[in-house]
Amino acid sequence: MFGHKAALAIAGTSWNATGISDGKGAVVALIAGSKPTLKFGSDGSLSGSAGCNSYTGRYEISDTRVKFPNAFASTRKMCVTPGVMDQEQAFLKALSASTTGRIEGRKLELRDATGTLQVTASAP
């Protein structure tokens, strides 16, 4: 259909985050050595590493819209690399703020309701 955006085929996929919103409209690079990940289960579960701690949550997809209906649960390890714990909070906040997604080749973009980029990721 002309002008129709393809449904977001995200169930059963895994991604490595490459950038996270700084909360001010820009996406910033990750702290060296941190590897936030996203694993979208076929059952609507979302899990991965926030960079040091593991997290779990739920997601819902409708066409290109994505919704994270509940707060994410995460482990509470102390992370020794400076800034990683702040980055983890920013990552989970950016995920929660995301309302649309787009996959292009091996890249994933999640954006908020205003179209501001929240998370960028690439396929492993």
PDB file of N, CA and C in Angstrom:
ATOM      1  N   MET A   1       0.847  -1.172   0.000  1.00  0.00           N
ATOM      2  CA  MET A   1       0.000   0.000   0.000  1.00  0.00           C
ATOM      3  C   MET A   1       0.896   1.240   0.000  1.00  0.00           C
ATOM      4  N   PHE A   2       0.613   2.162  -0.882  1.00  0.00           N
ATOM      5  CA  PHE A   2       1.423   3.363  -1.003  1.00  0.00           C
ATOM      6  C   PHE A   2       1.325   4.204   0.263  1.00  0.00           C
ATOM      7  N   GLY A   3       2.496   4.606   0.785  1.00  0.00           N
ATOM      8  CA  GLY A   3       2.542   5.464   1.952  1.00  0.00           C
ATOM      9  C   GLY A   3       2.345   4.738   3.269  1.00  0.00           C
ATOM     10  N   HIS A   4       2.119   3.427   3.234  1.00  0.00           N
ATOM     11  CA  HIS A   4       1.916   2.662   4.469  1.00  0.00           C
ATOM     12  C   HIS A   4       3.277   2.231   5.018  1.00  0.00           C
ATOM     13  N   LYS A   5       3.489   2.480   6.288  1.00  0.00           N
ATOM     14  CA  LYS A   5       4.726   2.053   6.931  1.00  0.00           C
ATOM     15  C   LYS A   5       4.585   0.588   7.325  1.00  0.00           C
ATOM     16  N   ALA A   6       5.645  -0.173   7.111  1.00  0.00           N
ATOM     17  CA  ALA A   6       5.629  -1.586   7.468  1.00  0.00           C
ATOM     18  C   ALA A   6       5.544  -1.748   8.978  1.00  0.00           C
ATOM     19  N   ALA A   7       4.856  -2.815   9.387  1.00  0.00           N
ATOM     20  CA  ALA A   7       4.759  -3.113  10.815  1.00  0.00           C
ATOM     21  C   ALA A   7       6.157  -3.378  11.364  1.00  0.00           C
ATOM     22  N   LEU A   8       6.356  -3.020  12.602  1.00  0.00           N
ATOM     23  CA  LEU A   8       7.640  -3.202  13.266  1.00  0.00           C
ATOM     24  C   LEU A   8       7.791  -4.675  13.640  1.00  0.00           C
ATOM     25  N   ALA A   9       8.635  -5.400  12.905  1.00  0.00           N
ATOM     26  CA  ALA A   9       8.855  -6.829  13.123  1.00  0.00           C
ATOM     27  C   ALA A   9       9.993  -7.008  14.122  1.00  0.00           C
ATOM     28  N   ILE A  10       9.680  -6.829  15.399  1.00  0.00           N
ATOM     29  CA  ILE A  10      10.715  -6.804  16.421  1.00  0.00           C
ATOM     30  C   ILE A  10      10.705  -8.053  17.314  1.00  0.00           C
ATOM     31  N   ALA A  11       9.588  -8.785  17.334  1.00  0.00           N
ATOM     32  CA  ALA A  11       9.481  -9.977  18.177  1.00  0.00           C
ATOM     33  C   ALA A  11      10.546 -10.998  17.771  1.00  0.00           C
ATOM     34  N   GLY A  12      11.225 -11.549  18.775  1.00  0.00           N
ATOM     35  CA  GLY A  12      12.235 -12.566  18.515  1.00  0.00           C
ATOM     36  C   GLY A  12      13.564 -12.025  18.027  1.00  0.00           C
ATOM     37  N   THR A  13      13.808 -10.709  18.198  1.00  0.00           N
ATOM     38  CA  THR A  13      15.074 -10.115  17.739  1.00  0.00           C
ATOM     39  C   THR A  13      15.921  -9.657  18.921  1.00  0.00           C
ATOM     40  N   SER A  14      17.219  -9.536  18.672  1.00  0.00           N
ATOM     41  CA  SER A  14      18.170  -9.038  19.677  1.00  0.00           C
ATOM     42  C   SER A  14      18.971  -7.900  19.074  1.00  0.00           C
ATOM     43  N   TRP A  15      19.362  -6.942  19.926  1.00  0.00           N
ATOM     44  CA  TRP A  15      20.053  -5.733  19.484  1.00  0.00           C
ATOM     45  C   TRP A  15      21.107  -5.320  20.499  1.00  0.00           C
ATOM     46  N   ASN A  16      22.146  -4.669  20.004  1.00  0.00           N
ATOM     47  CA  ASN A  16      23.163  -4.037  20.846  1.00  0.00           C
ATOM     48  C   ASN A  16      22.974  -2.531  20.725  1.00  0.00           C
ATOM     49  N   ALA A  17      22.714  -1.861  21.842  1.00  0.00           N
ATOM     50  CA  ALA A  17      22.527  -0.410  21.809  1.00  0.00           C
ATOM     51  C   ALA A  17      23.815   0.263  21.332  1.00  0.00           C
ATOM     52  N   THR A  18      23.658   1.302  20.510  1.00  0.00           N
ATOM     53  CA  THR A  18      24.806   2.059  20.009  1.00  0.00           C
ATOM     54  C   THR A  18      24.755   3.517  20.461  1.00  0.00           C
ATOM     55  N   GLY A  19      23.574   3.975  20.899  1.00  0.00           N
ATOM     56  CA  GLY A  19      23.424   5.341  21.375  1.00  0.00           C
ATOM     57  C   GLY A  19      22.191   5.465  22.237  1.00  0.00           C
ATOM     58  N   ILE A  20      22.215   6.413  23.178  1.00  0.00           N
ATOM     59  CA  ILE A  20      21.126   6.614  24.133  1.00  0.00           C
ATOM     60  C   ILE A  20      20.855   8.111  24.248  1.00  0.00           C
ATOM     61  N   SER A  21      19.576   8.464  24.338  1.00  0.00           N
ATOM     62  CA  SER A  21      19.204   9.869  24.515  1.00  0.00           C
ATOM     63  C   SER A  21      19.813  10.432  25.793  1.00  0.00           C
ATOM     64  N   ASP A  22      20.288  11.668  25.700  1.00  0.00           N
ATOM     65  CA  ASP A  22      20.812  12.339  26.892  1.00  0.00           C
ATOM     66  C   ASP A  22      19.703  13.091  27.637  1.00  0.00           C
ATOM     67  N   GLY A  23      18.455  12.944  27.151  1.00  0.00           N
ATOM     68  CA  GLY A  23      17.326  13.622  27.779  1.00  0.00           C
ATOM     69  C   GLY A  23      17.175  15.068  27.351  1.00  0.00           C
ATOM     70  N   LYS A  24      18.064  15.538  26.478  1.00  0.00           N
ATOM     71  CA  LYS A  24      18.044  16.928  26.022  1.00  0.00           C
ATOM     72  C   LYS A  24      17.918  17.015  24.504  1.00  0.00           C
ATOM     73  N   GLY A  25      17.498  15.907  23.869  1.00  0.00           N
ATOM     74  CA  GLY A  25      17.293  15.917  22.432  1.00  0.00           C
ATOM     75  C   GLY A  25      18.441  15.370  21.615  1.00  0.00           C
ATOM     76  N   ALA A  26      19.516  14.948  22.251  1.00  0.00           N
ATOM     77  CA  ALA A  26      20.657  14.390  21.525  1.00  0.00           C
ATOM     78  C   ALA A  26      20.891  12.942  21.945  1.00  0.00           C
ATOM     79  N   VAL A  27      21.418  12.161  21.024  1.00  0.00           N
ATOM     80  CA  VAL A  27      21.814  10.785  21.335  1.00  0.00           C
ATOM     81  C   VAL A  27      23.320  10.785  21.532  1.00  0.00           C
ATOM     82  N   VAL A  28      23.753  10.192  22.642  1.00  0.00           N
ATOM     83  CA  VAL A  28      25.177  10.186  22.962  1.00  0.00           C
ATOM     84  C   VAL A  28      25.731   8.767  22.877  1.00  0.00           C
ATOM     85  N   ALA A  29      27.019   8.694  22.638  1.00  0.00           N
ATOM     86  CA  ALA A  29      27.702   7.409  22.551  1.00  0.00           C
ATOM     87  C   ALA A  29      27.737   6.745  23.919  1.00  0.00           C
ATOM     88  N   LEU A  30      27.931   5.451  23.901  1.00  0.00           N
ATOM     89  CA  LEU A  30      27.994   4.681  25.138  1.00  0.00           C
ATOM     90  C   LEU A  30      29.357   4.805  25.800  1.00  0.00           C
ATOM     91  N   ILE A  31      29.373   4.605  27.099  1.00  0.00           N
ATOM     92  CA  ILE A  31      30.633   4.571  27.840  1.00  0.00           C
ATOM     93  C   ILE A  31      31.414   3.343  27.383  1.00  0.00           C
ATOM     94  N   ALA A  32      32.687   3.528  27.112  1.00  0.00           N
ATOM     95  CA  ALA A  32      33.531   2.432  26.640  1.00  0.00           C
ATOM     96  C   ALA A  32      33.429   1.233  27.579  1.00  0.00           C
ATOM     97  N   GLY A  33      33.244   0.059  26.998  1.00  0.00           N
ATOM     98  CA  GLY A  33      33.165  -1.163  27.782  1.00  0.00           C
ATOM     99  C   GLY A  33      31.768  -1.529  28.234  1.00  0.00           C
ATOM    100  N   SER A  34      30.813  -0.591  28.163  1.00  0.00           N
ATOM    101  CA  SER A  34      29.430  -0.917  28.534  1.00  0.00           C
ATOM    102  C   SER A  34      28.717  -1.422  27.284  1.00  0.00           C
ATOM    103  N   LYS A  35      27.879  -2.405  27.462  1.00  0.00           N
ATOM    104  CA  LYS A  35      27.215  -3.013  26.312  1.00  0.00           C
ATOM    105  C   LYS A  35      25.726  -3.216  26.586  1.00  0.00           C
ATOM    106  N   PRO A  36      24.923  -2.142  26.581  1.00  0.00           N
ATOM    107  CA  PRO A  36      23.487  -2.327  26.753  1.00  0.00           C
ATOM    108  C   PRO A  36      22.908  -3.150  25.598  1.00  0.00           C
ATOM    109  N   THR A  37      22.006  -4.066  25.934  1.00  0.00           N
ATOM    110  CA  THR A  37      21.404  -4.938  24.932  1.00  0.00           C
ATOM    111  C   THR A  37      19.891  -4.956  25.088  1.00  0.00           C
ATOM    112  N   LEU A  38      19.224  -5.368  24.014  1.00  0.00           N
ATOM    113  CA  LEU A  38      17.769  -5.515  24.012  1.00  0.00           C
ATOM    114  C   LEU A  38      17.439  -6.852  23.369  1.00  0.00           C
ATOM    115  N   LYS A  39      16.632  -7.659  24.046  1.00  0.00           N
ATOM    116  CA  LYS A  39      16.176  -8.929  23.488  1.00  0.00           C
ATOM    117  C   LYS A  39      14.656  -8.944  23.574  1.00  0.00           C
ATOM    118  N   PHE A  40      14.007  -8.799  22.408  1.00  0.00           N
ATOM    119  CA  PHE A  40      12.557  -8.768  22.324  1.00  0.00           C
ATOM    120  C   PHE A  40      12.059 -10.198  22.140  1.00  0.00           C
ATOM    121  N   GLY A  41      11.468 -10.762  23.180  1.00  0.00           N
ATOM    122  CA  GLY A  41      10.951 -12.125  23.108  1.00  0.00           C
ATOM    123  C   GLY A  41       9.703 -12.199  22.249  1.00  0.00           C
ATOM    124  N   SER A  42       9.418 -13.380  21.725  1.00  0.00           N
ATOM    125  CA  SER A  42       8.213 -13.590  20.925  1.00  0.00           C
ATOM    126  C   SER A  42       6.950 -13.491  21.770  1.00  0.00           C
ATOM    127  N   ASP A  43       7.105 -13.551  23.096  1.00  0.00           N
ATOM    128  CA  ASP A  43       5.975 -13.528  24.031  1.00  0.00           C
ATOM    129  C   ASP A  43       5.693 -12.137  24.606  1.00  0.00           C
ATOM    130  N   GLY A  44       6.322 -11.084  24.066  1.00  0.00           N
ATOM    131  CA  GLY A  44       6.105  -9.728  24.574  1.00  0.00           C
ATOM    132  C   GLY A  44       7.036  -9.344  25.705  1.00  0.00           C
ATOM    133  N   SER A  45       8.021 -10.206  25.992  1.00  0.00           N
ATOM    134  CA  SER A  45       8.990  -9.874  27.045  1.00  0.00           C
ATOM    135  C   SER A  45      10.166  -9.117  26.442  1.00  0.00           C
ATOM    136  N   LEU A  46      10.761  -8.262  27.230  1.00  0.00           N
ATOM    137  CA  LEU A  46      11.968  -7.543  26.839  1.00  0.00           C
ATOM    138  C   LEU A  46      12.979  -7.752  27.957  1.00  0.00           C
ATOM    139  N   SER A  47      14.200  -8.104  27.595  1.00  0.00           N
ATOM    140  CA  SER A  47      15.243  -8.302  28.600  1.00  0.00           C
ATOM    141  C   SER A  47      16.581  -7.919  27.999  1.00  0.00           C
ATOM    142  N   GLY A  48      17.580  -7.842  28.861  1.00  0.00           N
ATOM    143  CA  GLY A  48      18.918  -7.536  28.379  1.00  0.00           C
ATOM    144  C   GLY A  48      19.774  -6.982  29.489  1.00  0.00           C
ATOM    145  N   SER A  49      20.881  -6.406  29.064  1.00  0.00           N
ATOM    146  CA  SER A  49      21.788  -5.733  29.978  1.00  0.00           C
ATOM    147  C   SER A  49      21.614  -4.235  29.781  1.00  0.00           C
ATOM    148  N   ALA A  50      21.555  -3.503  30.887  1.00  0.00           N
ATOM    149  CA  ALA A  50      21.488  -2.049  30.797  1.00  0.00           C
ATOM    150  C   ALA A  50      22.899  -1.452  30.730  1.00  0.00           C
ATOM    151  N   GLY A  51      23.905  -2.309  30.744  1.00  0.00           N
ATOM    152  CA  GLY A  51      25.298  -1.875  30.689  1.00  0.00           C
ATOM    153  C   GLY A  51      26.125  -2.563  31.751  1.00  0.00           C
ATOM    154  N   CYS A  52      25.513  -2.825  32.887  1.00  0.00           N
ATOM    155  CA  CYS A  52      26.143  -3.527  34.005  1.00  0.00           C
ATOM    156  C   CYS A  52      25.105  -4.436  34.647  1.00  0.00           C
ATOM    157  N   ASN A  53      23.939  -3.883  34.912  1.00  0.00           N
ATOM    158  CA  ASN A  53      22.838  -4.645  35.506  1.00  0.00           C
ATOM    159  C   ASN A  53      21.920  -5.206  34.422  1.00  0.00           C
ATOM    160  N   SER A  54      21.256  -6.328  34.745  1.00  0.00           N
ATOM    161  CA  SER A  54      20.262  -6.919  33.852  1.00  0.00           C
ATOM    162  C   SER A  54      18.914  -6.264  34.114  1.00  0.00           C
ATOM    163  N   TYR A  55      18.056  -6.233  33.085  1.00  0.00           N
ATOM    164  CA  TYR A  55      16.708  -5.692  33.243  1.00  0.00           C
ATOM    165  C   TYR A  55      15.705  -6.591  32.525  1.00  0.00           C
ATOM    166  N   THR A  56      14.449  -6.479  32.927  1.00  0.00           N
ATOM    167  CA  THR A  56      13.352  -7.177  32.265  1.00  0.00           C
ATOM    168  C   THR A  56      12.157  -6.243  32.214  1.00  0.00           C
ATOM    169  N   GLY A  57      11.292  -6.485  31.261  1.00  0.00           N
ATOM    170  CA  GLY A  57      10.077  -5.703  31.106  1.00  0.00           C
ATOM    171  C   GLY A  57       9.191  -6.324  30.057  1.00  0.00           C
ATOM    172  N   ARG A  58       8.199  -5.580  29.642  1.00  0.00           N
ATOM    173  CA  ARG A  58       7.251  -6.024  28.627  1.00  0.00           C
ATOM    174  C   ARG A  58       7.189  -4.980  27.519  1.00  0.00           C
ATOM    175  N   TYR A  59       6.793  -5.428  26.333  1.00  0.00           N
ATOM    176  CA  TYR A  59       6.562  -4.502  25.230  1.00  0.00           C
ATOM    177  C   TYR A  59       5.322  -4.928  24.469  1.00  0.00           C
ATOM    178  N   GLU A  60       4.726  -3.963  23.771  1.00  0.00           N
ATOM    179  CA  GLU A  60       3.574  -4.211  22.910  1.00  0.00           C
ATOM    180  C   GLU A  60       3.839  -3.507  21.594  1.00  0.00           C
ATOM    181  N   ILE A  61       3.464  -4.145  20.486  1.00  0.00           N
ATOM    182  CA  ILE A  61       3.666  -3.584  19.149  1.00  0.00           C
ATOM    183  C   ILE A  61       2.321  -3.452  18.442  1.00  0.00           C
ATOM    184  N   SER A  62       2.116  -2.336  17.769  1.00  0.00           N
ATOM    185  CA  SER A  62       0.964  -2.130  16.908  1.00  0.00           C
ATOM    186  C   SER A  62       1.452  -1.304  15.718  1.00  0.00           C
ATOM    187  N   ASP A  63       1.581  -1.943  14.568  1.00  0.00           N
ATOM    188  CA  ASP A  63       2.165  -1.331  13.370  1.00  0.00           C
ATOM    189  C   ASP A  63       3.584  -0.851  13.688  1.00  0.00           C
ATOM    190  N   THR A  64       3.839   0.455  13.597  1.00  0.00           N
ATOM    191  CA  THR A  64       5.176   0.979  13.911  1.00  0.00           C
ATOM    192  C   THR A  64       5.249   1.508  15.335  1.00  0.00           C
ATOM    193  N   ARG A  65       4.149   1.383  16.076  1.00  0.00           N
ATOM    194  CA  ARG A  65       4.115   1.886  17.443  1.00  0.00           C
ATOM    195  C   ARG A  65       4.616   0.820  18.402  1.00  0.00           C
ATOM    196  N   VAL A  66       5.387   1.250  19.377  1.00  0.00           N
ATOM    197  CA  VAL A  66       5.877   0.348  20.414  1.00  0.00           C
ATOM    198  C   VAL A  66       5.511   0.958  21.760  1.00  0.00           C
ATOM    199  N   LYS A  67       5.192   0.100  22.703  1.00  0.00           N
ATOM    200  CA  LYS A  67       4.796   0.588  24.026  1.00  0.00           C
ATOM    201  C   LYS A  67       5.447  -0.301  25.071  1.00  0.00           C
ATOM    202  N   PHE A  68       5.961   0.311  26.104  1.00  0.00           N
ATOM    203  CA  PHE A  68       6.524  -0.386  27.256  1.00  0.00           C
ATOM    204  C   PHE A  68       5.590  -0.067  28.418  1.00  0.00           C
ATOM    205  N   PRO A  69       4.578  -0.936  28.658  1.00  0.00           N
ATOM    206  CA  PRO A  69       3.492  -0.583  29.569  1.00  0.00           C
ATOM    207  C   PRO A  69       3.841  -0.536  31.057  1.00  0.00           C
ATOM    208  N   ASN A  70       4.910  -1.171  31.469  1.00  0.00           N
ATOM    209  CA  ASN A  70       5.250  -1.207  32.893  1.00  0.00           C
ATOM    210  C   ASN A  70       6.679  -0.715  33.090  1.00  0.00           C
ATOM    211  N   ALA A  71       6.996  -0.385  34.318  1.00  0.00           N
ATOM    212  CA  ALA A  71       8.373  -0.011  34.647  1.00  0.00           C
ATOM    213  C   ALA A  71       9.267  -1.245  34.476  1.00  0.00           C
ATOM    214  N   PHE A  72      10.507  -1.015  34.167  1.00  0.00           N
ATOM    215  CA  PHE A  72      11.463  -2.106  34.027  1.00  0.00           C
ATOM    216  C   PHE A  72      11.983  -2.520  35.402  1.00  0.00           C
ATOM    217  N   ALA A  73      12.182  -3.809  35.574  1.00  0.00           N
ATOM    218  CA  ALA A  73      12.815  -4.337  36.784  1.00  0.00           C
ATOM    219  C   ALA A  73      14.281  -4.570  36.450  1.00  0.00           C
ATOM    220  N   SER A  74      15.173  -4.266  37.377  1.00  0.00           N
ATOM    221  CA  SER A  74      16.590  -4.491  37.109  1.00  0.00           C
ATOM    222  C   SER A  74      17.307  -4.967  38.366  1.00  0.00           C
ATOM    223  N   THR A  75      18.431  -5.624  38.129  1.00  0.00           N
ATOM    224  CA  THR A  75      19.264  -6.025  39.253  1.00  0.00           C
ATOM    225  C   THR A  75      19.917  -4.766  39.808  1.00  0.00           C
ATOM    226  N   ARG A  76      20.568  -4.866  40.958  1.00  0.00           N
ATOM    227  CA  ARG A  76      21.102  -3.671  41.619  1.00  0.00           C
ATOM    228  C   ARG A  76      22.563  -3.832  42.003  1.00  0.00           C
ATOM    229  N   LYS A  77      23.348  -4.347  41.077  1.00  0.00           N
ATOM    230  CA  LYS A  77      24.789  -4.468  41.330  1.00  0.00           C
ATOM    231  C   LYS A  77      25.426  -3.084  41.307  1.00  0.00           C
ATOM    232  N   MET A  78      26.476  -2.911  42.070  1.00  0.00           N
ATOM    233  CA  MET A  78      27.283  -1.697  41.971  1.00  0.00           C
ATOM    234  C   MET A  78      28.199  -1.859  40.765  1.00  0.00           C
ATOM    235  N   CYS A  79      28.223  -0.874  39.916  1.00  0.00           N
ATOM    236  CA  CYS A  79      29.030  -0.917  38.705  1.00  0.00           C
ATOM    237  C   CYS A  79      30.264  -0.044  38.932  1.00  0.00           C
ATOM    238  N   VAL A  80      31.428  -0.605  38.722  1.00  0.00           N
ATOM    239  CA  VAL A  80      32.654   0.120  39.064  1.00  0.00           C
ATOM    240  C   VAL A  80      33.074   1.140  38.011  1.00  0.00           C
ATOM    241  N   THR A  81      32.694   0.945  36.754  1.00  0.00           N
ATOM    242  CA  THR A  81      33.085   1.899  35.712  1.00  0.00           C
ATOM    243  C   THR A  81      32.354   3.220  35.928  1.00  0.00           C
ATOM    244  N   PRO A  82      33.088   4.323  36.043  1.00  0.00           N
ATOM    245  CA  PRO A  82      32.451   5.626  36.280  1.00  0.00           C
ATOM    246  C   PRO A  82      31.406   5.963  35.210  1.00  0.00           C
ATOM    247  N   GLY A  83      30.231   6.384  35.668  1.00  0.00           N
ATOM    248  CA  GLY A  83      29.169   6.832  34.769  1.00  0.00           C
ATOM    249  C   GLY A  83      28.230   5.749  34.270  1.00  0.00           C
ATOM    250  N   VAL A  84      28.576   4.480  34.446  1.00  0.00           N
ATOM    251  CA  VAL A  84      27.744   3.409  33.897  1.00  0.00           C
ATOM    252  C   VAL A  84      26.374   3.357  34.570  1.00  0.00           C
ATOM    253  N   MET A  85      26.323   3.585  35.868  1.00  0.00           N
ATOM    254  CA  MET A  85      25.025   3.529  36.546  1.00  0.00           C
ATOM    255  C   MET A  85      24.105   4.660  36.084  1.00  0.00           C
ATOM    256  N   ASP A  86      24.646   5.838  35.853  1.00  0.00           N
ATOM    257  CA  ASP A  86      23.854   6.942  35.306  1.00  0.00           C
ATOM    258  C   ASP A  86      23.398   6.613  33.889  1.00  0.00           C
ATOM    259  N   GLN A  87      24.285   5.999  33.101  1.00  0.00           N
ATOM    260  CA  GLN A  87      23.944   5.609  31.737  1.00  0.00           C
ATOM    261  C   GLN A  87      22.818   4.571  31.747  1.00  0.00           C
ATOM    262  N   GLU A  88      22.859   3.644  32.702  1.00  0.00           N
ATOM    263  CA  GLU A  88      21.799   2.642  32.808  1.00  0.00           C
ATOM    264  C   GLU A  88      20.446   3.309  33.047  1.00  0.00           C
ATOM    265  N   GLN A  89      20.397   4.269  33.948  1.00  0.00           N
ATOM    266  CA  GLN A  89      19.152   4.987  34.219  1.00  0.00           C
ATOM    267  C   GLN A  89      18.674   5.715  32.967  1.00  0.00           C
ATOM    268  N   ALA A  90      19.588   6.343  32.233  1.00  0.00           N
ATOM    269  CA  ALA A  90      19.238   7.056  31.003  1.00  0.00           C
ATOM    270  C   ALA A  90      18.715   6.079  29.947  1.00  0.00           C
ATOM    271  N   PHE A  91      19.323   4.906  29.854  1.00  0.00           N
ATOM    272  CA  PHE A  91      18.916   3.880  28.890  1.00  0.00           C
ATOM    273  C   PHE A  91      17.490   3.413  29.175  1.00  0.00           C
ATOM    274  N   LEU A  92      17.194   3.062  30.416  1.00  0.00           N
ATOM    275  CA  LEU A  92      15.862   2.579  30.762  1.00  0.00           C
ATOM    276  C   LEU A  92      14.816   3.693  30.628  1.00  0.00           C
ATOM    277  N   LYS A  93      15.197   4.917  30.944  1.00  0.00           N
ATOM    278  CA  LYS A  93      14.297   6.063  30.761  1.00  0.00           C
ATOM    279  C   LYS A  93      14.010   6.284  29.273  1.00  0.00           C
ATOM    280  N   ALA A  94      15.051   6.182  28.439  1.00  0.00           N
ATOM    281  CA  ALA A  94      14.876   6.358  26.988  1.00  0.00           C
ATOM    282  C   ALA A  94      13.988   5.259  26.416  1.00  0.00           C
ATOM    283  N   LEU A  95      14.173   4.024  26.868  1.00  0.00           N
ATOM    284  CA  LEU A  95      13.301   2.935  26.420  1.00  0.00           C
ATOM    285  C   LEU A  95      11.853   3.234  26.790  1.00  0.00           C
ATOM    286  N   SER A  96      11.625   3.610  28.037  1.00  0.00           N
ATOM    287  CA  SER A  96      10.271   3.897  28.514  1.00  0.00           C
ATOM    288  C   SER A  96       9.616   5.022  27.728  1.00  0.00           C
ATOM    289  N   ALA A  97      10.392   5.993  27.285  1.00  0.00           N
ATOM    290  CA  ALA A  97       9.871   7.144  26.546  1.00  0.00           C
ATOM    291  C   ALA A  97       9.570   6.812  25.085  1.00  0.00           C
ATOM    292  N   SER A  98      10.094   5.704  24.590  1.00  0.00           N
ATOM    293  CA  SER A  98       9.938   5.345  23.182  1.00  0.00           C
ATOM    294  C   SER A  98       8.507   4.952  22.856  1.00  0.00           C
ATOM    295  N   THR A  99       8.015   5.455  21.713  1.00  0.00           N
ATOM    296  CA  THR A  99       6.654   5.140  21.272  1.00  0.00           C
ATOM    297  C   THR A  99       6.594   4.610  19.847  1.00  0.00           C
ATOM    298  N   THR A 100       7.663   4.810  19.072  1.00  0.00           N
ATOM    299  CA  THR A 100       7.700   4.272  17.714  1.00  0.00           C
ATOM    300  C   THR A 100       9.065   3.661  17.455  1.00  0.00           C
ATOM    301  N   GLY A 101       9.087   2.733  16.533  1.00  0.00           N
ATOM    302  CA  GLY A 101      10.333   2.089  16.176  1.00  0.00           C
ATOM    303  C   GLY A 101      10.438   1.890  14.679  1.00  0.00           C
ATOM    304  N   ARG A 102      11.680   1.766  14.222  1.00  0.00           N
ATOM    305  CA  ARG A 102      11.929   1.517  12.809  1.00  0.00           C
ATOM    306  C   ARG A 102      13.169   0.652  12.685  1.00  0.00           C
ATOM    307  N   ILE A 103      13.057  -0.378  11.868  1.00  0.00           N
ATOM    308  CA  ILE A 103      14.207  -1.216  11.551  1.00  0.00           C
ATOM    309  C   ILE A 103      14.565  -0.958  10.101  1.00  0.00           C
ATOM    310  N   GLU A 104      15.828  -0.649   9.896  1.00  0.00           N
ATOM    311  CA  GLU A 104      16.328  -0.444   8.536  1.00  0.00           C
ATOM    312  C   GLU A 104      17.609  -1.244   8.415  1.00  0.00           C
ATOM    313  N   GLY A 105      17.537  -2.339   7.672  1.00  0.00           N
ATOM    314  CA  GLY A 105      18.700  -3.221   7.556  1.00  0.00           C
ATOM    315  C   GLY A 105      19.014  -3.821   8.909  1.00  0.00           C
ATOM    316  N   ARG A 106      20.215  -3.582   9.396  1.00  0.00           N
ATOM    317  CA  ARG A 106      20.644  -4.131  10.691  1.00  0.00           C
ATOM    318  C   ARG A 106      20.624  -3.071  11.792  1.00  0.00           C
ATOM    319  N   LYS A 107      19.842  -1.999  11.588  1.00  0.00           N
ATOM    320  CA  LYS A 107      19.773  -0.910  12.558  1.00  0.00           C
ATOM    321  C   LYS A 107      18.349  -0.728  13.070  1.00  0.00           C
ATOM    322  N   LEU A 108      18.244  -0.419  14.363  1.00  0.00           N
ATOM    323  CA  LEU A 108      16.969  -0.154  15.022  1.00  0.00           C
ATOM    324  C   LEU A 108      17.013   1.254  15.589  1.00  0.00           C
ATOM    325  N   GLU A 109      15.921   1.990  15.387  1.00  0.00           N
ATOM    326  CA  GLU A 109      15.758   3.310  15.999  1.00  0.00           C
ATOM    327  C   GLU A 109      14.468   3.308  16.793  1.00  0.00           C
ATOM    328  N   LEU A 110      14.527   3.789  18.022  1.00  0.00           N
ATOM    329  CA  LEU A 110      13.337   3.985  18.850  1.00  0.00           C
ATOM    330  C   LEU A 110      13.208   5.476  19.121  1.00  0.00           C
ATOM    331  N   ARG A 111      12.008   6.026  18.887  1.00  0.00           N
ATOM    332  CA  ARG A 111      11.764   7.460  19.047  1.00  0.00           C
ATOM    333  C   ARG A 111      10.582   7.693  19.984  1.00  0.00           C
ATOM    334  N   ASP A 112      10.547   8.897  20.585  1.00  0.00           N
ATOM    335  CA  ASP A 112       9.432   9.240  21.461  1.00  0.00           C
ATOM    336  C   ASP A 112       8.289   9.850  20.646  1.00  0.00           C
ATOM    337  N   ALA A 113       7.240  10.282  21.329  1.00  0.00           N
ATOM    338  CA  ALA A 113       6.040  10.794  20.672  1.00  0.00           C
ATOM    339  C   ALA A 113       6.301  12.041  19.836  1.00  0.00           C
ATOM    340  N   THR A 114       7.365  12.786  20.141  1.00  0.00           N
ATOM    341  CA  THR A 114       7.679  13.988  19.361  1.00  0.00           C
ATOM    342  C   THR A 114       8.624  13.683  18.202  1.00  0.00           C
ATOM    343  N   GLY A 115       9.036  12.401  18.068  1.00  0.00           N
ATOM    344  CA  GLY A 115       9.956  12.019  17.003  1.00  0.00           C
ATOM    345  C   GLY A 115      11.417  12.114  17.397  1.00  0.00           C
ATOM    346  N   THR A 116      11.693  12.461  18.659  1.00  0.00           N
ATOM    347  CA  THR A 116      13.069  12.579  19.123  1.00  0.00           C
ATOM    348  C   THR A 116      13.666  11.185  19.326  1.00  0.00           C
ATOM    349  N   LEU A 117      14.825  10.987  18.760  1.00  0.00           N
ATOM    350  CA  LEU A 117      15.527   9.705  18.870  1.00  0.00           C
ATOM    351  C   LEU A 117      15.855   9.406  20.323  1.00  0.00           C
ATOM    352  N   GLN A 118      15.527   8.191  20.778  1.00  0.00           N
ATOM    353  CA  GLN A 118      15.766   7.787  22.166  1.00  0.00           C
ATOM    354  C   GLN A 118      16.863   6.731  22.276  1.00  0.00           C
ATOM    355  N   VAL A 119      16.808   5.714  21.407  1.00  0.00           N
ATOM    356  CA  VAL A 119      17.784   4.630  21.442  1.00  0.00           C
ATOM    357  C   VAL A 119      18.110   4.229  20.008  1.00  0.00           C
ATOM    358  N   THR A 120      19.402   4.052  19.729  1.00  0.00           N
ATOM    359  CA  THR A 120      19.825   3.455  18.477  1.00  0.00           C
ATOM    360  C   THR A 120      20.498   2.139  18.815  1.00  0.00           C
ATOM    361  N   ALA A 121      20.336   1.160  17.929  1.00  0.00           N
ATOM    362  CA  ALA A 121      20.922  -0.155  18.174  1.00  0.00           C
ATOM    363  C   ALA A 121      21.237  -0.817  16.848  1.00  0.00           C
ATOM    364  N   SER A 122      22.115  -1.816  16.914  1.00  0.00           N
ATOM    365  CA  SER A 122      22.436  -2.591  15.715  1.00  0.00           C
ATOM    366  C   SER A 122      22.301  -4.077  16.048  1.00  0.00           C
ATOM    367  N   ALA A 123      22.049  -4.857  15.012  1.00  0.00           N
ATOM    368  CA  ALA A 123      21.947  -6.301  15.192  1.00  0.00           C
ATOM    369  C   ALA A 123      23.329  -6.850  15.534  1.00  0.00           C
ATOM    370  N   PRO A 124      23.379  -7.861  16.413  1.00  0.00           N
ATOM    371  CA  PRO A 124      24.682  -8.438  16.805  1.00  0.00           C
ATOM    372  C   PRO A 124      25.366  -9.165  15.647  1.00  0.00           C
TER     373      PRO A 124
END
